[in-house]
Amino acid sequence: MAEAYSGRLAGLLRDRRGRARALLEARLLNEYPPILSGKDAHGIREDMEKLVAEFYQTLHAGGQCTP
């Protein structure tokens, strides 16, 4: 029984990491470059802080979002 639980837990963690990674990649590679192109360093930092918060929220929420 412990092995089955351990296997399900490992699968859940892999799924969360995969979804969080997909979110991060989609935002950084596709969405943010045009948005950030005209911003100063302070504006870029604010946007990156929001992205990092969203990334961690996705990890803790079990990957319940769509990139």
N, C-alpha and C. Protein backbone atom coordinates (compact mmCIF):
# COMPACT_ATOMS: atom_id res chain seq x y z
N MET A 1 0.83 -1.19 0.00
CA MET A 1 0.00 0.00 0.00
C MET A 1 0.87 1.26 0.00
N ALA A 2 1.93 1.26 0.78
CA ALA A 2 2.81 2.41 0.84
C ALA A 2 3.47 2.64 -0.52
N GLU A 3 3.79 1.56 -1.23
CA GLU A 3 4.41 1.71 -2.55
C GLU A 3 3.45 2.34 -3.54
N ALA A 4 2.18 1.96 -3.48
CA ALA A 4 1.18 2.54 -4.38
C ALA A 4 1.01 4.02 -4.10
N TYR A 5 0.95 4.40 -2.83
CA TYR A 5 0.83 5.80 -2.45
C TYR A 5 2.05 6.58 -2.91
N SER A 6 3.21 6.02 -2.71
CA SER A 6 4.46 6.67 -3.12
C SER A 6 4.49 6.89 -4.63
N GLY A 7 4.03 5.92 -5.37
CA GLY A 7 3.99 6.03 -6.83
C GLY A 7 3.01 7.11 -7.29
N ARG A 8 1.84 7.18 -6.66
CA ARG A 8 0.86 8.21 -7.01
C ARG A 8 1.40 9.59 -6.66
N LEU A 9 2.04 9.71 -5.51
CA LEU A 9 2.61 10.99 -5.09
C LEU A 9 3.70 11.44 -6.06
N ALA A 10 4.55 10.54 -6.47
CA ALA A 10 5.61 10.88 -7.42
C ALA A 10 5.01 11.35 -8.75
N GLY A 11 3.96 10.68 -9.20
CA GLY A 11 3.29 11.09 -10.43
C GLY A 11 2.66 12.46 -10.32
N LEU A 12 2.06 12.76 -9.19
CA LEU A 12 1.45 14.07 -8.95
C LEU A 12 2.51 15.16 -8.97
N LEU A 13 3.63 14.92 -8.33
CA LEU A 13 4.70 15.92 -8.30
C LEU A 13 5.27 16.16 -9.70
N ARG A 14 5.44 15.09 -10.48
CA ARG A 14 5.92 15.25 -11.85
C ARG A 14 4.95 16.08 -12.67
N ASP A 15 3.65 15.83 -12.50
CA ASP A 15 2.62 16.55 -13.24
C ASP A 15 2.65 18.04 -12.86
N ARG A 16 2.77 18.35 -11.58
CA ARG A 16 2.83 19.75 -11.13
C ARG A 16 4.04 20.45 -11.71
N ARG A 17 5.18 19.80 -11.64
CA ARG A 17 6.40 20.42 -12.16
C ARG A 17 6.29 20.63 -13.67
N GLY A 18 5.72 19.67 -14.36
CA GLY A 18 5.57 19.79 -15.81
C GLY A 18 4.66 20.94 -16.20
N ARG A 19 3.56 21.09 -15.50
CA ARG A 19 2.64 22.19 -15.81
C ARG A 19 3.23 23.54 -15.44
N ALA A 20 3.91 23.60 -14.32
CA ALA A 20 4.55 24.86 -13.91
C ALA A 20 5.65 25.22 -14.90
N ARG A 21 6.41 24.24 -15.35
CA ARG A 21 7.47 24.49 -16.33
C ARG A 21 6.88 24.97 -17.64
N ALA A 22 5.79 24.35 -18.08
CA ALA A 22 5.14 24.77 -19.33
C ALA A 22 4.65 26.21 -19.22
N LEU A 23 4.09 26.56 -18.07
CA LEU A 23 3.63 27.93 -17.84
C LEU A 23 4.79 28.90 -17.93
N LEU A 24 5.87 28.59 -17.24
CA LEU A 24 7.04 29.46 -17.22
C LEU A 24 7.62 29.64 -18.62
N GLU A 25 7.77 28.56 -19.35
CA GLU A 25 8.31 28.64 -20.70
C GLU A 25 7.41 29.44 -21.63
N ALA A 26 6.11 29.20 -21.56
CA ALA A 26 5.17 29.92 -22.43
C ALA A 26 5.22 31.42 -22.16
N ARG A 27 5.26 31.78 -20.90
CA ARG A 27 5.28 33.20 -20.55
C ARG A 27 6.61 33.85 -20.97
N LEU A 28 7.73 33.21 -20.62
CA LEU A 28 9.04 33.81 -20.88
C LEU A 28 9.39 33.85 -22.36
N LEU A 29 9.06 32.80 -23.08
CA LEU A 29 9.50 32.72 -24.47
C LEU A 29 8.52 33.32 -25.47
N ASN A 30 7.24 33.32 -25.15
CA ASN A 30 6.25 33.78 -26.12
C ASN A 30 5.55 35.08 -25.72
N GLU A 31 5.18 35.18 -24.49
CA GLU A 31 4.33 36.28 -24.07
C GLU A 31 5.10 37.52 -23.63
N TYR A 32 6.15 37.35 -22.87
CA TYR A 32 6.81 38.50 -22.27
C TYR A 32 7.74 39.30 -23.17
N PRO A 33 8.46 38.75 -24.12
CA PRO A 33 9.38 39.58 -24.91
C PRO A 33 8.73 40.82 -25.53
N PRO A 34 7.57 40.72 -26.20
CA PRO A 34 6.99 41.95 -26.76
C PRO A 34 6.49 42.91 -25.68
N ILE A 35 6.04 42.38 -24.56
CA ILE A 35 5.53 43.22 -23.48
C ILE A 35 6.67 43.99 -22.83
N LEU A 36 7.81 43.34 -22.64
CA LEU A 36 8.92 43.94 -21.91
C LEU A 36 9.80 44.84 -22.76
N SER A 37 9.66 44.79 -24.05
CA SER A 37 10.60 45.49 -24.93
C SER A 37 10.69 46.99 -24.67
N GLY A 38 9.63 47.64 -24.25
CA GLY A 38 9.68 49.08 -24.03
C GLY A 38 9.75 49.49 -22.58
N LYS A 39 9.94 48.55 -21.68
CA LYS A 39 9.92 48.86 -20.24
C LYS A 39 11.31 49.14 -19.70
N ASP A 40 11.33 49.89 -18.61
CA ASP A 40 12.59 50.12 -17.91
C ASP A 40 12.85 48.95 -16.96
N ALA A 41 14.00 48.96 -16.31
CA ALA A 41 14.39 47.85 -15.44
C ALA A 41 13.39 47.62 -14.32
N HIS A 42 12.85 48.68 -13.75
CA HIS A 42 11.88 48.54 -12.65
C HIS A 42 10.60 47.86 -13.14
N GLY A 43 10.13 48.25 -14.31
CA GLY A 43 8.93 47.63 -14.86
C GLY A 43 9.13 46.16 -15.19
N ILE A 44 10.31 45.84 -15.73
CA ILE A 44 10.62 44.44 -16.04
C ILE A 44 10.66 43.61 -14.75
N ARG A 45 11.29 44.17 -13.71
CA ARG A 45 11.36 43.45 -12.43
C ARG A 45 9.97 43.18 -11.87
N GLU A 46 9.09 44.15 -11.92
CA GLU A 46 7.72 43.96 -11.43
C GLU A 46 7.02 42.83 -12.19
N ASP A 47 7.17 42.82 -13.50
CA ASP A 47 6.54 41.76 -14.29
C ASP A 47 7.15 40.39 -13.97
N MET A 48 8.45 40.34 -13.78
CA MET A 48 9.11 39.07 -13.45
C MET A 48 8.67 38.58 -12.06
N GLU A 49 8.48 39.49 -11.11
CA GLU A 49 7.99 39.10 -9.78
C GLU A 49 6.60 38.48 -9.89
N LYS A 50 5.74 39.04 -10.73
CA LYS A 50 4.40 38.48 -10.93
C LYS A 50 4.50 37.08 -11.55
N LEU A 51 5.40 36.94 -12.52
CA LEU A 51 5.58 35.63 -13.17
C LEU A 51 6.07 34.58 -12.19
N VAL A 52 7.04 34.94 -11.35
CA VAL A 52 7.56 34.00 -10.36
C VAL A 52 6.46 33.61 -9.37
N ALA A 53 5.65 34.57 -8.94
CA ALA A 53 4.55 34.27 -8.03
C ALA A 53 3.55 33.32 -8.68
N GLU A 54 3.25 33.55 -9.95
CA GLU A 54 2.32 32.67 -10.67
C GLU A 54 2.90 31.27 -10.82
N PHE A 55 4.20 31.18 -11.07
CA PHE A 55 4.88 29.89 -11.19
C PHE A 55 4.76 29.09 -9.90
N TYR A 56 5.07 29.72 -8.76
CA TYR A 56 4.98 29.02 -7.48
C TYR A 56 3.54 28.69 -7.11
N GLN A 57 2.62 29.56 -7.46
CA GLN A 57 1.20 29.28 -7.19
C GLN A 57 0.77 28.02 -7.97
N THR A 58 1.25 27.91 -9.20
CA THR A 58 0.93 26.74 -10.01
C THR A 58 1.50 25.46 -9.38
N LEU A 59 2.72 25.54 -8.88
CA LEU A 59 3.31 24.38 -8.22
C LEU A 59 2.50 23.97 -7.00
N HIS A 60 2.11 24.94 -6.19
CA HIS A 60 1.40 24.63 -4.95
C HIS A 60 -0.06 24.27 -5.17
N ALA A 61 -0.64 24.72 -6.28
CA ALA A 61 -2.05 24.44 -6.57
C ALA A 61 -2.22 23.12 -7.32
N GLY A 62 -1.15 22.43 -7.56
CA GLY A 62 -1.25 21.15 -8.25
C GLY A 62 -1.30 21.30 -9.75
N GLY A 63 -0.83 22.43 -10.27
CA GLY A 63 -0.78 22.60 -11.72
C GLY A 63 -2.12 22.91 -12.34
N GLN A 64 -3.04 23.46 -11.57
CA GLN A 64 -4.38 23.73 -12.07
C GLN A 64 -4.44 25.02 -12.86
N CYS A 65 -3.73 25.11 -13.96
CA CYS A 65 -3.81 26.26 -14.84
C CYS A 65 -3.42 25.82 -16.24
N THR A 66 -3.72 26.67 -17.20
CA THR A 66 -3.37 26.38 -18.58
C THR A 66 -2.40 27.45 -19.05
N PRO A 67 -1.21 27.04 -19.50
CA PRO A 67 -0.24 28.03 -19.98
C PRO A 67 -0.70 28.67 -21.27
